[in-house]
């Protein structure tokens, strides 16, 4: 669904891989940006619940969790 001004809710770096996780608030998309080749970035898009908020790693740094407040849902990557 189109949104005229989607905002970034979080940008978090992976502890294990050359990758950023980006939450796009209004669209409910989670982007995985691989920067292992800085001249050819790759992006993987995951669908989640809309209105994502800031997220973070669990204590093991294996899972990234983020909440979507309007739907009372949590996305785990």
PDB file of N, CA and C in Angstrom:
ATOM      1  N   UNK A   1       0.843  -1.181   0.000  1.00  0.00           N
ATOM      2  CA  UNK A   1       0.000   0.000   0.000  1.00  0.00           C
ATOM      3  C   UNK A   1       0.885   1.241   0.000  1.00  0.00           C
ATOM      4  N   UNK A   2       0.533   2.206  -0.842  1.00  0.00           N
ATOM      5  CA  UNK A   2       1.311   3.436  -0.965  1.00  0.00           C
ATOM      6  C   UNK A   2       1.124   4.317   0.266  1.00  0.00           C
ATOM      7  N   UNK A   3       2.224   4.902   0.720  1.00  0.00           N
ATOM      8  CA  UNK A   3       2.171   5.905   1.781  1.00  0.00           C
ATOM      9  C   UNK A   3       3.021   7.080   1.320  1.00  0.00           C
ATOM     10  N   UNK A   4       2.503   8.316   1.384  1.00  0.00           N
ATOM     11  CA  UNK A   4       3.227   9.461   0.831  1.00  0.00           C
ATOM     12  C   UNK A   4       4.519   9.807   1.571  1.00  0.00           C
ATOM     13  N   UNK A   5       4.603   9.535   2.856  1.00  0.00           N
ATOM     14  CA  UNK A   5       5.796   9.893   3.625  1.00  0.00           C
ATOM     15  C   UNK A   5       6.120   8.835   4.675  1.00  0.00           C
ATOM     16  N   UNK A   6       6.548   7.649   4.268  1.00  0.00           N
ATOM     17  CA  UNK A   6       6.898   6.637   5.273  1.00  0.00           C
ATOM     18  C   UNK A   6       8.148   7.057   6.042  1.00  0.00           C
ATOM     19  N   UNK A   7       8.158   6.757   7.331  1.00  0.00           N
ATOM     20  CA  UNK A   7       9.277   7.132   8.198  1.00  0.00           C
ATOM     21  C   UNK A   7      10.051   5.891   8.631  1.00  0.00           C
ATOM     22  N   UNK A   8      11.339   6.089   8.869  1.00  0.00           N
ATOM     23  CA  UNK A   8      12.182   5.018   9.392  1.00  0.00           C
ATOM     24  C   UNK A   8      12.033   5.003  10.905  1.00  0.00           C
ATOM     25  N   UNK A   9      11.651   3.854  11.452  1.00  0.00           N
ATOM     26  CA  UNK A   9      11.467   3.728  12.900  1.00  0.00           C
ATOM     27  C   UNK A   9      12.731   3.235  13.583  1.00  0.00           C
ATOM     28  N   UNK A  10      13.568   2.478  12.864  1.00  0.00           N
ATOM     29  CA  UNK A  10      14.794   1.945  13.470  1.00  0.00           C
ATOM     30  C   UNK A  10      15.778   1.543  12.381  1.00  0.00           C
ATOM     31  N   UNK A  11      17.057   1.741  12.674  1.00  0.00           N
ATOM     32  CA  UNK A  11      18.147   1.197  11.865  1.00  0.00           C
ATOM     33  C   UNK A  11      19.090   0.523  12.848  1.00  0.00           C
ATOM     34  N   UNK A  12      19.267  -0.787  12.688  1.00  0.00           N
ATOM     35  CA  UNK A  12      20.067  -1.565  13.637  1.00  0.00           C
ATOM     36  C   UNK A  12      21.071  -2.402  12.851  1.00  0.00           C
ATOM     37  N   UNK A  13      22.314  -2.443  13.319  1.00  0.00           N
ATOM     38  CA  UNK A  13      23.347  -3.250  12.668  1.00  0.00           C
ATOM     39  C   UNK A  13      23.380  -4.650  13.263  1.00  0.00           C
ATOM     40  N   UNK A  14      23.645  -5.620  12.406  1.00  0.00           N
ATOM     41  CA  UNK A  14      23.807  -7.000  12.858  1.00  0.00           C
ATOM     42  C   UNK A  14      25.144  -7.147  13.570  1.00  0.00           C
ATOM     43  N   UNK A  15      25.180  -8.002  14.587  1.00  0.00           N
ATOM     44  CA  UNK A  15      26.423  -8.299  15.298  1.00  0.00           C
ATOM     45  C   UNK A  15      27.201  -9.411  14.601  1.00  0.00           C
ATOM     46  N   UNK A  16      26.553 -10.135  13.706  1.00  0.00           N
ATOM     47  CA  UNK A  16      27.148 -11.328  13.093  1.00  0.00           C
ATOM     48  C   UNK A  16      27.419 -11.200  11.596  1.00  0.00           C
ATOM     49  N   UNK A  17      26.673 -10.342  10.901  1.00  0.00           N
ATOM     50  CA  UNK A  17      26.752 -10.278   9.441  1.00  0.00           C
ATOM     51  C   UNK A  17      26.882  -8.828   8.987  1.00  0.00           C
ATOM     52  N   UNK A  18      27.399  -8.584   7.782  1.00  0.00           N
ATOM     53  CA  UNK A  18      27.458  -7.216   7.256  1.00  0.00           C
ATOM     54  C   UNK A  18      26.071  -6.789   6.768  1.00  0.00           C
ATOM     55  N   UNK A  19      25.207  -6.478   7.717  1.00  0.00           N
ATOM     56  CA  UNK A  19      23.805  -6.245   7.390  1.00  0.00           C
ATOM     57  C   UNK A  19      23.189  -5.229   8.347  1.00  0.00           C
ATOM     58  N   UNK A  20      22.320  -4.383   7.800  1.00  0.00           N
ATOM     59  CA  UNK A  20      21.504  -3.476   8.595  1.00  0.00           C
ATOM     60  C   UNK A  20      20.062  -3.957   8.533  1.00  0.00           C
ATOM     61  N   UNK A  21      19.326  -3.766   9.623  1.00  0.00           N
ATOM     62  CA  UNK A  21      17.889  -4.010   9.644  1.00  0.00           C
ATOM     63  C   UNK A  21      17.220  -2.646   9.769  1.00  0.00           C
ATOM     64  N   UNK A  22      16.282  -2.372   8.874  1.00  0.00           N
ATOM     65  CA  UNK A  22      15.614  -1.069   8.835  1.00  0.00           C
ATOM     66  C   UNK A  22      14.110  -1.286   8.954  1.00  0.00           C
ATOM     67  N   UNK A  23      13.481  -0.648   9.941  1.00  0.00           N
ATOM     68  CA  UNK A  23      12.022  -0.688  10.103  1.00  0.00           C
ATOM     69  C   UNK A  23      11.420   0.533   9.421  1.00  0.00           C
ATOM     70  N   UNK A  24      10.455   0.310   8.544  1.00  0.00           N
ATOM     71  CA  UNK A  24       9.720   1.409   7.920  1.00  0.00           C
ATOM     72  C   UNK A  24       8.356   1.465   8.603  1.00  0.00           C
ATOM     73  N   UNK A  25       8.154   2.498   9.390  1.00  0.00           N
ATOM     74  CA  UNK A  25       7.034   2.572  10.329  1.00  0.00           C
ATOM     75  C   UNK A  25       5.655   2.349   9.704  1.00  0.00           C
ATOM     76  N   UNK A  26       5.208   3.258   8.851  1.00  0.00           N
ATOM     77  CA  UNK A  26       3.824   3.219   8.368  1.00  0.00           C
ATOM     78  C   UNK A  26       3.531   2.042   7.438  1.00  0.00           C
ATOM     79  N   UNK A  27       4.512   1.597   6.693  1.00  0.00           N
ATOM     80  CA  UNK A  27       4.277   0.527   5.720  1.00  0.00           C
ATOM     81  C   UNK A  27       4.355  -0.863   6.331  1.00  0.00           C
ATOM     82  N   UNK A  28       4.992  -0.987   7.484  1.00  0.00           N
ATOM     83  CA  UNK A  28       5.137  -2.295   8.111  1.00  0.00           C
ATOM     84  C   UNK A  28       6.161  -3.172   7.421  1.00  0.00           C
ATOM     85  N   UNK A  29       7.098  -2.564   6.740  1.00  0.00           N
ATOM     86  CA  UNK A  29       8.136  -3.335   6.058  1.00  0.00           C
ATOM     87  C   UNK A  29       9.418  -3.338   6.891  1.00  0.00           C
ATOM     88  N   UNK A  30      10.095  -4.472   6.873  1.00  0.00           N
ATOM     89  CA  UNK A  30      11.405  -4.605   7.496  1.00  0.00           C
ATOM     90  C   UNK A  30      12.382  -4.896   6.366  1.00  0.00           C
ATOM     91  N   UNK A  31      13.397  -4.044   6.219  1.00  0.00           N
ATOM     92  CA  UNK A  31      14.384  -4.208   5.158  1.00  0.00           C
ATOM     93  C   UNK A  31      15.667  -4.778   5.743  1.00  0.00           C
ATOM     94  N   UNK A  32      16.217  -5.779   5.091  1.00  0.00           N
ATOM     95  CA  UNK A  32      17.524  -6.322   5.435  1.00  0.00           C
ATOM     96  C   UNK A  32      18.474  -5.850   4.341  1.00  0.00           C
ATOM     97  N   UNK A  33      19.409  -4.984   4.696  1.00  0.00           N
ATOM     98  CA  UNK A  33      20.328  -4.399   3.731  1.00  0.00           C
ATOM     99  C   UNK A  33      21.702  -5.025   3.922  1.00  0.00           C
ATOM    100  N   UNK A  34      22.152  -5.786   2.924  1.00  0.00           N
ATOM    101  CA  UNK A  34      23.454  -6.440   2.980  1.00  0.00           C
ATOM    102  C   UNK A  34      24.478  -5.514   2.335  1.00  0.00           C
ATOM    103  N   UNK A  35      25.515  -5.138   3.098  1.00  0.00           N
ATOM    104  CA  UNK A  35      26.533  -4.234   2.578  1.00  0.00           C
ATOM    105  C   UNK A  35      27.898  -4.925   2.438  1.00  0.00           C
ATOM    106  N   UNK A  36      27.915  -6.255   2.268  1.00  0.00           N
ATOM    107  CA  UNK A  36      29.189  -6.963   2.100  1.00  0.00           C
ATOM    108  C   UNK A  36      29.925  -6.491   0.845  1.00  0.00           C
ATOM    109  N   UNK A  37      29.176  -6.071  -0.180  1.00  0.00           N
ATOM    110  CA  UNK A  37      29.754  -5.443  -1.367  1.00  0.00           C
ATOM    111  C   UNK A  37      29.164  -4.040  -1.439  1.00  0.00           C
ATOM    112  N   UNK A  38      29.911  -3.071  -0.960  1.00  0.00           N
ATOM    113  CA  UNK A  38      29.396  -1.707  -0.815  1.00  0.00           C
ATOM    114  C   UNK A  38      28.983  -1.102  -2.164  1.00  0.00           C
ATOM    115  N   UNK A  39      29.522  -1.616  -3.265  1.00  0.00           N
ATOM    116  CA  UNK A  39      29.158  -1.112  -4.591  1.00  0.00           C
ATOM    117  C   UNK A  39      27.916  -1.787  -5.160  1.00  0.00           C
ATOM    118  N   UNK A  40      27.456  -2.836  -4.503  1.00  0.00           N
ATOM    119  CA  UNK A  40      26.268  -3.559  -4.977  1.00  0.00           C
ATOM    120  C   UNK A  40      25.452  -4.019  -3.767  1.00  0.00           C
ATOM    121  N   UNK A  41      24.817  -3.071  -3.087  1.00  0.00           N
ATOM    122  CA  UNK A  41      23.997  -3.396  -1.921  1.00  0.00           C
ATOM    123  C   UNK A  41      22.827  -4.277  -2.340  1.00  0.00           C
ATOM    124  N   UNK A  42      22.480  -5.228  -1.482  1.00  0.00           N
ATOM    125  CA  UNK A  42      21.298  -6.046  -1.749  1.00  0.00           C
ATOM    126  C   UNK A  42      20.283  -5.820  -0.641  1.00  0.00           C
ATOM    127  N   UNK A  43      19.022  -5.876  -1.013  1.00  0.00           N
ATOM    128  CA  UNK A  43      17.934  -5.603  -0.068  1.00  0.00           C
ATOM    129  C   UNK A  43      16.930  -6.750  -0.102  1.00  0.00           C
ATOM    130  N   UNK A  44      16.563  -7.204   1.091  1.00  0.00           N
ATOM    131  CA  UNK A  44      15.495  -8.187   1.238  1.00  0.00           C
ATOM    132  C   UNK A  44      14.383  -7.514   2.021  1.00  0.00           C
ATOM    133  N   UNK A  45      13.159  -7.581   1.523  1.00  0.00           N
ATOM    134  CA  UNK A  45      12.024  -6.936   2.181  1.00  0.00           C
ATOM    135  C   UNK A  45      11.137  -7.985   2.829  1.00  0.00           C
ATOM    136  N   UNK A  46      10.837  -7.774   4.109  1.00  0.00           N
ATOM    137  CA  UNK A  46       9.934  -8.642   4.858  1.00  0.00           C
ATOM    138  C   UNK A  46       8.679  -7.850   5.197  1.00  0.00           C
ATOM    139  N   UNK A  47       7.525  -8.465   5.047  1.00  0.00           N
ATOM    140  CA  UNK A  47       6.260  -7.824   5.412  1.00  0.00           C
ATOM    141  C   UNK A  47       5.981  -8.090   6.890  1.00  0.00           C
ATOM    142  N   UNK A  48       5.574  -7.056   7.594  1.00  0.00           N
ATOM    143  CA  UNK A  48       5.212  -7.178   9.010  1.00  0.00           C
ATOM    144  C   UNK A  48       3.952  -6.343   9.237  1.00  0.00           C
ATOM    145  N   UNK A  49       3.537  -6.216  10.467  1.00  0.00           N
ATOM    146  CA  UNK A  49       2.367  -5.395  10.787  1.00  0.00           C
ATOM    147  C   UNK A  49       2.711  -3.917  10.622  1.00  0.00           C
ATOM    148  N   UNK A  50       1.736  -3.123  10.248  1.00  0.00           N
ATOM    149  CA  UNK A  50       1.957  -1.687  10.060  1.00  0.00           C
ATOM    150  C   UNK A  50       2.202  -0.992  11.394  1.00  0.00           C
ATOM    151  N   UNK A  51       2.790   0.185  11.305  1.00  0.00           N
ATOM    152  CA  UNK A  51       3.091   1.057  12.438  1.00  0.00           C
ATOM    153  C   UNK A  51       4.128   0.433  13.374  1.00  0.00           C
ATOM    154  N   UNK A  52       5.242   0.011  12.763  1.00  0.00           N
ATOM    155  CA  UNK A  52       6.357  -0.541  13.529  1.00  0.00           C
ATOM    156  C   UNK A  52       7.019   0.545  14.363  1.00  0.00           C
ATOM    157  N   UNK A  53       7.577   0.136  15.468  1.00  0.00           N
ATOM    158  CA  UNK A  53       8.331   1.038  16.335  1.00  0.00           C
ATOM    159  C   UNK A  53       9.769   0.579  16.403  1.00  0.00           C
ATOM    160  N   UNK A  54      10.531   1.230  17.271  1.00  0.00           N
ATOM    161  CA  UNK A  54      11.926   0.871  17.460  1.00  0.00           C
ATOM    162  C   UNK A  54      12.023  -0.581  17.904  1.00  0.00           C
ATOM    163  N   UNK A  55      13.088  -1.229  17.523  1.00  0.00           N
ATOM    164  CA  UNK A  55      13.288  -2.624  17.903  1.00  0.00           C
ATOM    165  C   UNK A  55      14.694  -2.837  18.419  1.00  0.00           C
ATOM    166  N   UNK A  56      15.003  -4.068  18.744  1.00  0.00           N
ATOM    167  CA  UNK A  56      16.335  -4.367  19.244  1.00  0.00           C
ATOM    168  C   UNK A  56      16.592  -5.858  19.280  1.00  0.00           C
ATOM    169  N   UNK A  57      17.803  -6.195  19.629  1.00  0.00           N
ATOM    170  CA  UNK A  57      18.237  -7.591  19.689  1.00  0.00           C
ATOM    171  C   UNK A  57      17.857  -8.230  21.011  1.00  0.00           C
ATOM    172  N   UNK A  58      17.609  -9.536  20.980  1.00  0.00           N
ATOM    173  CA  UNK A  58      17.442 -10.273  22.228  1.00  0.00           C
ATOM    174  C   UNK A  58      18.828 -10.426  22.861  1.00  0.00           C
ATOM    175  N   UNK A  59      18.899 -11.003  24.045  1.00  0.00           N
ATOM    176  CA  UNK A  59      20.170 -11.068  24.775  1.00  0.00           C
ATOM    177  C   UNK A  59      21.223 -11.923  24.068  1.00  0.00           C
ATOM    178  N   UNK A  60      20.798 -12.851  23.210  1.00  0.00           N
ATOM    179  CA  UNK A  60      21.759 -13.692  22.488  1.00  0.00           C
ATOM    180  C   UNK A  60      22.244 -13.042  21.183  1.00  0.00           C
ATOM    181  N   UNK A  61      21.647 -11.924  20.793  1.00  0.00           N
ATOM    182  CA  UNK A  61      21.921 -11.229  19.525  1.00  0.00           C
ATOM    183  C   UNK A  61      21.569 -12.081  18.313  1.00  0.00           C
ATOM    184  N   UNK A  62      20.739 -13.082  18.500  1.00  0.00           N
ATOM    185  CA  UNK A  62      20.315 -13.940  17.392  1.00  0.00           C
ATOM    186  C   UNK A  62      19.021 -13.440  16.749  1.00  0.00           C
ATOM    187  N   UNK A  63      18.129 -12.870  17.545  1.00  0.00           N
ATOM    188  CA  UNK A  63      16.820 -12.438  17.049  1.00  0.00           C
ATOM    189  C   UNK A  63      16.644 -10.936  17.222  1.00  0.00           C
ATOM    190  N   UNK A  64      16.058 -10.315  16.201  1.00  0.00           N
ATOM    191  CA  UNK A  64      15.692  -8.909  16.255  1.00  0.00           C
ATOM    192  C   UNK A  64      14.188  -8.841  16.467  1.00  0.00           C
ATOM    193  N   UNK A  65      13.747  -8.072  17.456  1.00  0.00           N
ATOM    194  CA  UNK A  65      12.325  -7.954  17.774  1.00  0.00           C
ATOM    195  C   UNK A  65      11.887  -6.505  17.621  1.00  0.00           C
ATOM    196  N   UNK A  66      10.691  -6.323  17.074  1.00  0.00           N
ATOM    197  CA  UNK A  66      10.125  -4.985  16.949  1.00  0.00           C
ATOM    198  C   UNK A  66       8.612  -5.067  17.139  1.00  0.00           C
ATOM    199  N   UNK A  67       8.037  -4.047  17.726  1.00  0.00           N
ATOM    200  CA  UNK A  67       6.607  -4.051  18.039  1.00  0.00           C
ATOM    201  C   UNK A  67       5.836  -3.161  17.069  1.00  0.00           C
ATOM    202  N   UNK A  68       4.594  -3.549  16.816  1.00  0.00           N
ATOM    203  CA  UNK A  68       3.654  -2.740  16.036  1.00  0.00           C
ATOM    204  C   UNK A  68       2.498  -2.408  16.973  1.00  0.00           C
ATOM    205  N   UNK A  69       2.463  -1.181  17.453  1.00  0.00           N
ATOM    206  CA  UNK A  69       1.546  -0.853  18.549  1.00  0.00           C
ATOM    207  C   UNK A  69       0.066  -0.882  18.173  1.00  0.00           C
ATOM    208  N   UNK A  70      -0.292  -0.524  16.953  1.00  0.00           N
ATOM    209  CA  UNK A  70      -1.720  -0.460  16.605  1.00  0.00           C
ATOM    210  C   UNK A  70      -2.376  -1.826  16.532  1.00  0.00           C
ATOM    211  N   UNK A  71      -1.579  -2.869  16.313  1.00  0.00           N
ATOM    212  CA  UNK A  71      -2.154  -4.207  16.163  1.00  0.00           C
ATOM    213  C   UNK A  71      -1.754  -5.148  17.294  1.00  0.00           C
ATOM    214  N   UNK A  72      -0.995  -4.649  18.269  1.00  0.00           N
ATOM    215  CA  UNK A  72      -0.521  -5.481  19.380  1.00  0.00           C
ATOM    216  C   UNK A  72       0.226  -6.711  18.876  1.00  0.00           C
ATOM    217  N   UNK A  73       1.092  -6.515  17.882  1.00  0.00           N
ATOM    218  CA  UNK A  73       1.880  -7.606  17.312  1.00  0.00           C
ATOM    219  C   UNK A  73       3.363  -7.327  17.485  1.00  0.00           C
ATOM    220  N   UNK A  74       4.147  -8.407  17.473  1.00  0.00           N
ATOM    221  CA  UNK A  74       5.602  -8.307  17.530  1.00  0.00           C
ATOM    222  C   UNK A  74       6.166  -9.076  16.346  1.00  0.00           C
ATOM    223  N   UNK A  75       7.104  -8.464  15.634  1.00  0.00           N
ATOM    224  CA  UNK A  75       7.804  -9.144  14.538  1.00  0.00           C
ATOM    225  C   UNK A  75       9.156  -9.603  15.060  1.00  0.00           C
ATOM    226  N   UNK A  76       9.520 -10.833  14.734  1.00  0.00           N
ATOM    227  CA  UNK A  76      10.805 -11.399  15.147  1.00  0.00           C
ATOM    228  C   UNK A  76      11.544 -11.835  13.890  1.00  0.00           C
ATOM    229  N   UNK A  77      12.770 -11.339  13.724  1.00  0.00           N
ATOM    230  CA  UNK A  77      13.600 -11.685  12.563  1.00  0.00           C
ATOM    231  C   UNK A  77      14.822 -12.418  13.069  1.00  0.00           C
TER     232      UNK A  77
END
